[in-house]
């Protein structure tokens, strides 16, 4: 009887280990999918119940609206939990990215990236975004998008010709048209889940400051 109990205990332990490993794997997959930018990784790490949305936004150089949007999505997907802290309800991360095996960037790399993003207009970076298959699945989708925003036909033969033409139109347009184009790109990125979506917030602010 004791031997049977011992075997049962070992079997339960093995089952629990498998359950824990499977859960950890699923958690890691969800975190890897969601933490698709250095800013998000750092924002999640700083969501420890001590840092407020304003503090995190200032640290990683995004808007407080962006932080609140990320928090809303992460809480909905179970990556954050609400706790009581000094009589207030605060959001706190459920998991440590480092323990899951996700490398968290340092703040200096985020700030360096921000300076690069702010280089507007930047023809090369704009062209690389227009080539992103997550943003535009094919030549036709990109052409339809550009013709709608610029309100004109864009006759070209290849995708690279089209991208060059769009970049030319953007750089030669008045600032208000550039702003409209960036806003349209941001909406496209949000709809398609592109990793570039956080770029456009910086770019919009930069263009607005020059209008």
C-alpha atoms as a PDB file:
ATOM      1  CA  UNK A   1       0.000   0.000   0.000  1.00  0.00           C
ATOM      2  CA  UNK A   2       2.826   2.414   0.877  1.00  0.00           C
ATOM      3  CA  UNK A   3       4.606   1.597  -2.375  1.00  0.00           C
ATOM      4  CA  UNK A   4       1.406   2.305  -4.340  1.00  0.00           C
ATOM      5  CA  UNK A   5       0.960   5.630  -2.546  1.00  0.00           C
ATOM      6  CA  UNK A   6       4.579   6.515  -3.311  1.00  0.00           C
ATOM      7  CA  UNK A   7       4.102   5.647  -7.009  1.00  0.00           C
ATOM      8  CA  UNK A   8       0.935   7.755  -7.086  1.00  0.00           C
ATOM      9  CA  UNK A   9       2.777  10.698  -5.542  1.00  0.00           C
ATOM     10  CA  UNK A  10       5.595  10.424  -8.101  1.00  0.00           C
ATOM     11  CA  UNK A  11       3.075  10.230 -10.921  1.00  0.00           C
ATOM     12  CA  UNK A  12       1.312  13.333  -9.614  1.00  0.00           C
ATOM     13  CA  UNK A  13       4.660  15.143  -9.391  1.00  0.00           C
ATOM     14  CA  UNK A  14       5.507  14.199 -12.989  1.00  0.00           C
ATOM     15  CA  UNK A  15       2.100  15.351 -14.188  1.00  0.00           C
ATOM     16  CA  UNK A  16       2.477  18.669 -12.370  1.00  0.00           C
ATOM     17  CA  UNK A  17       5.928  19.197 -13.862  1.00  0.00           C
ATOM     18  CA  UNK A  18       4.549  18.652 -17.355  1.00  0.00           C
ATOM     19  CA  UNK A  19       1.682  21.038 -16.627  1.00  0.00           C
ATOM     20  CA  UNK A  20       4.060  23.722 -15.339  1.00  0.00           C
ATOM     21  CA  UNK A  21       6.383  23.307 -18.336  1.00  0.00           C
ATOM     22  CA  UNK A  22       3.475  23.516 -20.774  1.00  0.00           C
ATOM     23  CA  UNK A  23       2.068  26.588 -19.030  1.00  0.00           C
ATOM     24  CA  UNK A  24       5.492  28.243 -19.035  1.00  0.00           C
ATOM     25  CA  UNK A  25       5.849  27.490 -22.747  1.00  0.00           C
ATOM     26  CA  UNK A  26       2.462  29.026 -23.539  1.00  0.00           C
ATOM     27  CA  UNK A  27       3.256  32.080 -21.404  1.00  0.00           C
ATOM     28  CA  UNK A  28       6.606  32.517 -23.167  1.00  0.00           C
ATOM     29  CA  UNK A  29       4.903  32.271 -26.567  1.00  0.00           C
ATOM     30  CA  UNK A  30       2.314  34.900 -25.603  1.00  0.00           C
ATOM     31  CA  UNK A  31       4.951  37.259 -24.211  1.00  0.00           C
ATOM     32  CA  UNK A  32       7.223  36.844 -27.233  1.00  0.00           C
ATOM     33  CA  UNK A  33       4.306  37.630 -29.534  1.00  0.00           C
ATOM     34  CA  UNK A  34       3.195  40.679 -27.549  1.00  0.00           C
ATOM     35  CA  UNK A  35       6.613  42.151 -26.659  1.00  0.00           C
ATOM     36  CA  UNK A  36       7.449  42.930 -30.277  1.00  0.00           C
ATOM     37  CA  UNK A  37       9.415  46.140 -29.712  1.00  0.00           C
ATOM     38  CA  UNK A  38      12.135  47.338 -27.308  1.00  0.00           C
ATOM     39  CA  UNK A  39       9.743  49.989 -25.966  1.00  0.00           C
ATOM     40  CA  UNK A  40       7.122  47.390 -25.057  1.00  0.00           C
ATOM     41  CA  UNK A  41       9.660  45.146 -23.322  1.00  0.00           C
ATOM     42  CA  UNK A  42      10.925  48.004 -21.184  1.00  0.00           C
ATOM     43  CA  UNK A  43       7.410  49.319 -20.487  1.00  0.00           C
ATOM     44  CA  UNK A  44       6.264  45.881 -19.318  1.00  0.00           C
ATOM     45  CA  UNK A  45       9.337  45.491 -17.107  1.00  0.00           C
ATOM     46  CA  UNK A  46       8.710  48.897 -15.508  1.00  0.00           C
ATOM     47  CA  UNK A  47       5.042  48.061 -14.844  1.00  0.00           C
ATOM     48  CA  UNK A  48       5.838  46.914 -11.317  1.00  0.00           C
ATOM     49  CA  UNK A  49       3.234  48.825  -9.331  1.00  0.00           C
ATOM     50  CA  UNK A  50       5.739  51.551  -8.468  1.00  0.00           C
ATOM     51  CA  UNK A  51       6.096  53.322 -11.823  1.00  0.00           C
ATOM     52  CA  UNK A  52       3.103  55.256 -13.120  1.00  0.00           C
ATOM     53  CA  UNK A  53       2.089  55.586 -16.765  1.00  0.00           C
ATOM     54  CA  UNK A  54       3.582  59.098 -16.959  1.00  0.00           C
ATOM     55  CA  UNK A  55       6.951  57.921 -15.573  1.00  0.00           C
ATOM     56  CA  UNK A  56       7.146  55.021 -18.026  1.00  0.00           C
ATOM     57  CA  UNK A  57       6.085  57.200 -20.956  1.00  0.00           C
ATOM     58  CA  UNK A  58       8.826  59.724 -20.136  1.00  0.00           C
ATOM     59  CA  UNK A  59      11.439  56.985 -19.752  1.00  0.00           C
ATOM     60  CA  UNK A  60      10.835  55.218 -23.055  1.00  0.00           C
ATOM     61  CA  UNK A  61       9.750  58.359 -24.971  1.00  0.00           C
ATOM     62  CA  UNK A  62       6.217  57.404 -25.994  1.00  0.00           C
ATOM     63  CA  UNK A  63       2.940  59.123 -25.177  1.00  0.00           C
ATOM     64  CA  UNK A  64       1.009  58.327 -22.030  1.00  0.00           C
ATOM     65  CA  UNK A  65      -1.870  57.325 -24.328  1.00  0.00           C
ATOM     66  CA  UNK A  66       0.338  54.606 -25.797  1.00  0.00           C
ATOM     67  CA  UNK A  67       1.158  53.279 -22.319  1.00  0.00           C
ATOM     68  CA  UNK A  68      -2.506  53.174 -21.363  1.00  0.00           C
ATOM     69  CA  UNK A  69      -3.315  51.341 -24.622  1.00  0.00           C
ATOM     70  CA  UNK A  70      -0.617  48.745 -23.970  1.00  0.00           C
ATOM     71  CA  UNK A  71      -1.764  48.315 -20.384  1.00  0.00           C
ATOM     72  CA  UNK A  72      -5.356  47.809 -21.513  1.00  0.00           C
ATOM     73  CA  UNK A  73      -4.295  45.128 -24.008  1.00  0.00           C
ATOM     74  CA  UNK A  74      -1.972  43.391 -21.535  1.00  0.00           C
ATOM     75  CA  UNK A  75      -4.545  43.351 -18.754  1.00  0.00           C
ATOM     76  CA  UNK A  76      -7.133  41.922 -21.146  1.00  0.00           C
ATOM     77  CA  UNK A  77      -4.736  39.140 -22.177  1.00  0.00           C
ATOM     78  CA  UNK A  78      -3.807  38.330 -18.569  1.00  0.00           C
ATOM     79  CA  UNK A  79      -0.240  39.648 -18.663  1.00  0.00           C
ATOM     80  CA  UNK A  80      -0.987  42.263 -15.978  1.00  0.00           C
ATOM     81  CA  UNK A  81      -2.846  42.060 -12.695  1.00  0.00           C
ATOM     82  CA  UNK A  82      -4.414  44.728 -10.494  1.00  0.00           C
ATOM     83  CA  UNK A  83      -3.193  45.076  -6.930  1.00  0.00           C
ATOM     84  CA  UNK A  84      -3.820  47.479  -4.066  1.00  0.00           C
ATOM     85  CA  UNK A  85      -0.920  49.820  -3.367  1.00  0.00           C
ATOM     86  CA  UNK A  86      -1.244  52.612  -0.796  1.00  0.00           C
ATOM     87  CA  UNK A  87      -4.999  52.541  -1.081  1.00  0.00           C
ATOM     88  CA  UNK A  88      -4.941  52.713  -4.888  1.00  0.00           C
ATOM     89  CA  UNK A  89      -5.571  50.121  -7.568  1.00  0.00           C
ATOM     90  CA  UNK A  90      -2.424  49.744  -9.677  1.00  0.00           C
ATOM     91  CA  UNK A  91      -1.385  47.494 -12.537  1.00  0.00           C
ATOM     92  CA  UNK A  92       1.528  45.134 -12.098  1.00  0.00           C
ATOM     93  CA  UNK A  93       3.250  42.648 -14.395  1.00  0.00           C
ATOM     94  CA  UNK A  94       2.542  38.970 -13.747  1.00  0.00           C
ATOM     95  CA  UNK A  95       5.809  37.654 -15.172  1.00  0.00           C
ATOM     96  CA  UNK A  96       9.503  38.482 -15.354  1.00  0.00           C
ATOM     97  CA  UNK A  97      10.667  38.721 -18.959  1.00  0.00           C
ATOM     98  CA  UNK A  98      14.205  37.746 -17.939  1.00  0.00           C
ATOM     99  CA  UNK A  99      12.985  34.551 -16.259  1.00  0.00           C
ATOM    100  CA  UNK A 100      10.986  33.671 -19.355  1.00  0.00           C
ATOM    101  CA  UNK A 101      14.131  34.159 -21.436  1.00  0.00           C
ATOM    102  CA  UNK A 102      13.283  37.488 -23.084  1.00  0.00           C
ATOM    103  CA  UNK A 103      16.117  40.022 -23.067  1.00  0.00           C
ATOM    104  CA  UNK A 104      15.087  43.465 -21.844  1.00  0.00           C
ATOM    105  CA  UNK A 105      16.917  46.384 -23.544  1.00  0.00           C
ATOM    106  CA  UNK A 106      18.532  49.135 -21.523  1.00  0.00           C
ATOM    107  CA  UNK A 107      17.185  52.671 -21.583  1.00  0.00           C
ATOM    108  CA  UNK A 108      20.133  54.056 -23.573  1.00  0.00           C
ATOM    109  CA  UNK A 109      19.306  51.795 -26.532  1.00  0.00           C
ATOM    110  CA  UNK A 110      15.701  53.027 -26.479  1.00  0.00           C
ATOM    111  CA  UNK A 111      16.803  56.655 -26.490  1.00  0.00           C
ATOM    112  CA  UNK A 112      19.257  55.990 -29.315  1.00  0.00           C
ATOM    113  CA  UNK A 113      16.475  54.347 -31.312  1.00  0.00           C
ATOM    114  CA  UNK A 114      14.209  57.306 -30.626  1.00  0.00           C
ATOM    115  CA  UNK A 115      16.776  59.739 -32.023  1.00  0.00           C
ATOM    116  CA  UNK A 116      16.999  57.651 -35.187  1.00  0.00           C
ATOM    117  CA  UNK A 117      13.210  57.538 -35.537  1.00  0.00           C
ATOM    118  CA  UNK A 118      12.971  61.305 -35.168  1.00  0.00           C
ATOM    119  CA  UNK A 119      15.057  61.860 -38.299  1.00  0.00           C
ATOM    120  CA  UNK A 120      12.161  63.098 -40.418  1.00  0.00           C
ATOM    121  CA  UNK A 121      11.895  63.273 -43.304  1.00  0.00           C
ATOM    122  CA  UNK A 122      13.942  60.094 -43.717  1.00  0.00           C
ATOM    123  CA  UNK A 123      13.607  58.615 -47.185  1.00  0.00           C
ATOM    124  CA  UNK A 124      15.391  55.325 -46.485  1.00  0.00           C
ATOM    125  CA  UNK A 125      13.383  54.483 -43.380  1.00  0.00           C
ATOM    126  CA  UNK A 126      10.111  55.395 -45.060  1.00  0.00           C
ATOM    127  CA  UNK A 127      10.980  53.132 -47.995  1.00  0.00           C
ATOM    128  CA  UNK A 128      11.790  50.224 -45.670  1.00  0.00           C
ATOM    129  CA  UNK A 129       8.394  50.627 -43.998  1.00  0.00           C
ATOM    130  CA  UNK A 130       6.591  50.654 -47.338  1.00  0.00           C
ATOM    131  CA  UNK A 131       8.323  47.366 -48.194  1.00  0.00           C
ATOM    132  CA  UNK A 132       6.980  45.682 -45.046  1.00  0.00           C
ATOM    133  CA  UNK A 133       4.685  42.827 -46.128  1.00  0.00           C
ATOM    134  CA  UNK A 134       2.805  43.122 -42.836  1.00  0.00           C
ATOM    135  CA  UNK A 135       1.875  46.695 -43.711  1.00  0.00           C
ATOM    136  CA  UNK A 136       1.005  46.056 -47.367  1.00  0.00           C
ATOM    137  CA  UNK A 137       0.537  42.503 -48.586  1.00  0.00           C
ATOM    138  CA  UNK A 138       1.279  43.311 -52.235  1.00  0.00           C
ATOM    139  CA  UNK A 139       1.864  46.016 -54.835  1.00  0.00           C
ATOM    140  CA  UNK A 140      -1.861  46.543 -55.374  1.00  0.00           C
ATOM    141  CA  UNK A 141      -2.540  47.183 -51.688  1.00  0.00           C
ATOM    142  CA  UNK A 142       0.298  49.712 -51.472  1.00  0.00           C
ATOM    143  CA  UNK A 143      -0.824  51.469 -54.652  1.00  0.00           C
ATOM    144  CA  UNK A 144      -4.440  51.686 -53.472  1.00  0.00           C
ATOM    145  CA  UNK A 145      -3.315  53.128 -50.135  1.00  0.00           C
ATOM    146  CA  UNK A 146      -1.034  55.773 -51.677  1.00  0.00           C
ATOM    147  CA  UNK A 147      -3.524  56.830 -54.350  1.00  0.00           C
ATOM    148  CA  UNK A 148      -6.218  57.246 -51.714  1.00  0.00           C
ATOM    149  CA  UNK A 149      -4.032  59.391 -49.435  1.00  0.00           C
ATOM    150  CA  UNK A 150      -2.485  61.543 -52.184  1.00  0.00           C
ATOM    151  CA  UNK A 151      -5.744  61.603 -54.177  1.00  0.00           C
ATOM    152  CA  UNK A 152      -4.047  60.886 -57.486  1.00  0.00           C
ATOM    153  CA  UNK A 153      -3.134  58.040 -59.828  1.00  0.00           C
ATOM    154  CA  UNK A 154       0.418  56.733 -59.507  1.00  0.00           C
ATOM    155  CA  UNK A 155       1.495  54.984 -62.732  1.00  0.00           C
ATOM    156  CA  UNK A 156       4.446  52.635 -62.087  1.00  0.00           C
ATOM    157  CA  UNK A 157       5.596  49.211 -63.268  1.00  0.00           C
ATOM    158  CA  UNK A 158       7.308  47.637 -60.261  1.00  0.00           C
ATOM    159  CA  UNK A 159       6.977  47.754 -56.484  1.00  0.00           C
ATOM    160  CA  UNK A 160      10.319  49.560 -56.138  1.00  0.00           C
ATOM    161  CA  UNK A 161       9.212  52.178 -58.660  1.00  0.00           C
ATOM    162  CA  UNK A 162       6.025  52.641 -56.668  1.00  0.00           C
ATOM    163  CA  UNK A 163       7.914  52.987 -53.394  1.00  0.00           C
ATOM    164  CA  UNK A 164      10.289  55.548 -54.925  1.00  0.00           C
ATOM    165  CA  UNK A 165       7.347  57.506 -56.308  1.00  0.00           C
ATOM    166  CA  UNK A 166       5.545  57.512 -52.941  1.00  0.00           C
ATOM    167  CA  UNK A 167       8.709  58.686 -51.169  1.00  0.00           C
ATOM    168  CA  UNK A 168       9.062  61.498 -53.732  1.00  0.00           C
ATOM    169  CA  UNK A 169       5.431  62.526 -53.231  1.00  0.00           C
ATOM    170  CA  UNK A 170       5.825  62.521 -49.466  1.00  0.00           C
ATOM    171  CA  UNK A 171       9.011  64.603 -49.426  1.00  0.00           C
ATOM    172  CA  UNK A 172       7.674  67.124 -51.917  1.00  0.00           C
ATOM    173  CA  UNK A 173       4.288  67.530 -50.206  1.00  0.00           C
ATOM    174  CA  UNK A 174       3.308  70.352 -47.843  1.00  0.00           C
ATOM    175  CA  UNK A 175       3.634  69.539 -44.141  1.00  0.00           C
ATOM    176  CA  UNK A 176      -0.116  69.157 -43.690  1.00  0.00           C
ATOM    177  CA  UNK A 177      -0.194  66.490 -46.430  1.00  0.00           C
ATOM    178  CA  UNK A 178       2.820  64.755 -44.851  1.00  0.00           C
ATOM    179  CA  UNK A 179       0.938  64.715 -41.561  1.00  0.00           C
ATOM    180  CA  UNK A 180      -2.127  63.180 -43.228  1.00  0.00           C
ATOM    181  CA  UNK A 181       0.096  60.526 -44.806  1.00  0.00           C
ATOM    182  CA  UNK A 182       1.693  59.654 -41.456  1.00  0.00           C
ATOM    183  CA  UNK A 183      -1.694  59.434 -39.762  1.00  0.00           C
ATOM    184  CA  UNK A 184      -2.893  57.102 -42.512  1.00  0.00           C
ATOM    185  CA  UNK A 185       0.246  54.960 -42.111  1.00  0.00           C
ATOM    186  CA  UNK A 186      -0.328  54.748 -38.358  1.00  0.00           C
ATOM    187  CA  UNK A 187      -3.900  53.581 -38.882  1.00  0.00           C
ATOM    188  CA  UNK A 188      -2.683  51.000 -41.408  1.00  0.00           C
ATOM    189  CA  UNK A 189      -0.041  49.756 -38.968  1.00  0.00           C
ATOM    190  CA  UNK A 190      -2.568  49.454 -36.137  1.00  0.00           C
ATOM    191  CA  UNK A 191      -4.954  47.492 -38.368  1.00  0.00           C
ATOM    192  CA  UNK A 192      -2.244  45.109 -39.585  1.00  0.00           C
ATOM    193  CA  UNK A 193      -0.359  44.771 -36.282  1.00  0.00           C
ATOM    194  CA  UNK A 194       2.892  46.011 -37.820  1.00  0.00           C
ATOM    195  CA  UNK A 195       5.856  46.563 -35.507  1.00  0.00           C
ATOM    196  CA  UNK A 196       6.295  49.985 -37.141  1.00  0.00           C
ATOM    197  CA  UNK A 197       3.134  51.450 -35.597  1.00  0.00           C
ATOM    198  CA  UNK A 198       5.002  53.201 -32.764  1.00  0.00           C
ATOM    199  CA  UNK A 199       7.238  55.028 -35.244  1.00  0.00           C
ATOM    200  CA  UNK A 200       4.408  57.138 -36.580  1.00  0.00           C
ATOM    201  CA  UNK A 201       3.570  58.707 -33.242  1.00  0.00           C
ATOM    202  CA  UNK A 202       7.056  60.277 -33.150  1.00  0.00           C
ATOM    203  CA  UNK A 203       6.871  61.222 -36.805  1.00  0.00           C
ATOM    204  CA  UNK A 204       3.477  62.873 -36.450  1.00  0.00           C
ATOM    205  CA  UNK A 205       4.699  64.959 -33.506  1.00  0.00           C
ATOM    206  CA  UNK A 206       7.794  66.009 -35.454  1.00  0.00           C
ATOM    207  CA  UNK A 207       5.780  67.116 -38.486  1.00  0.00           C
ATOM    208  CA  UNK A 208       3.182  68.891 -36.310  1.00  0.00           C
ATOM    209  CA  UNK A 209       5.945  70.895 -34.653  1.00  0.00           C
ATOM    210  CA  UNK A 210       6.909  72.293 -38.073  1.00  0.00           C
ATOM    211  CA  UNK A 211       3.402  73.236 -39.206  1.00  0.00           C
END
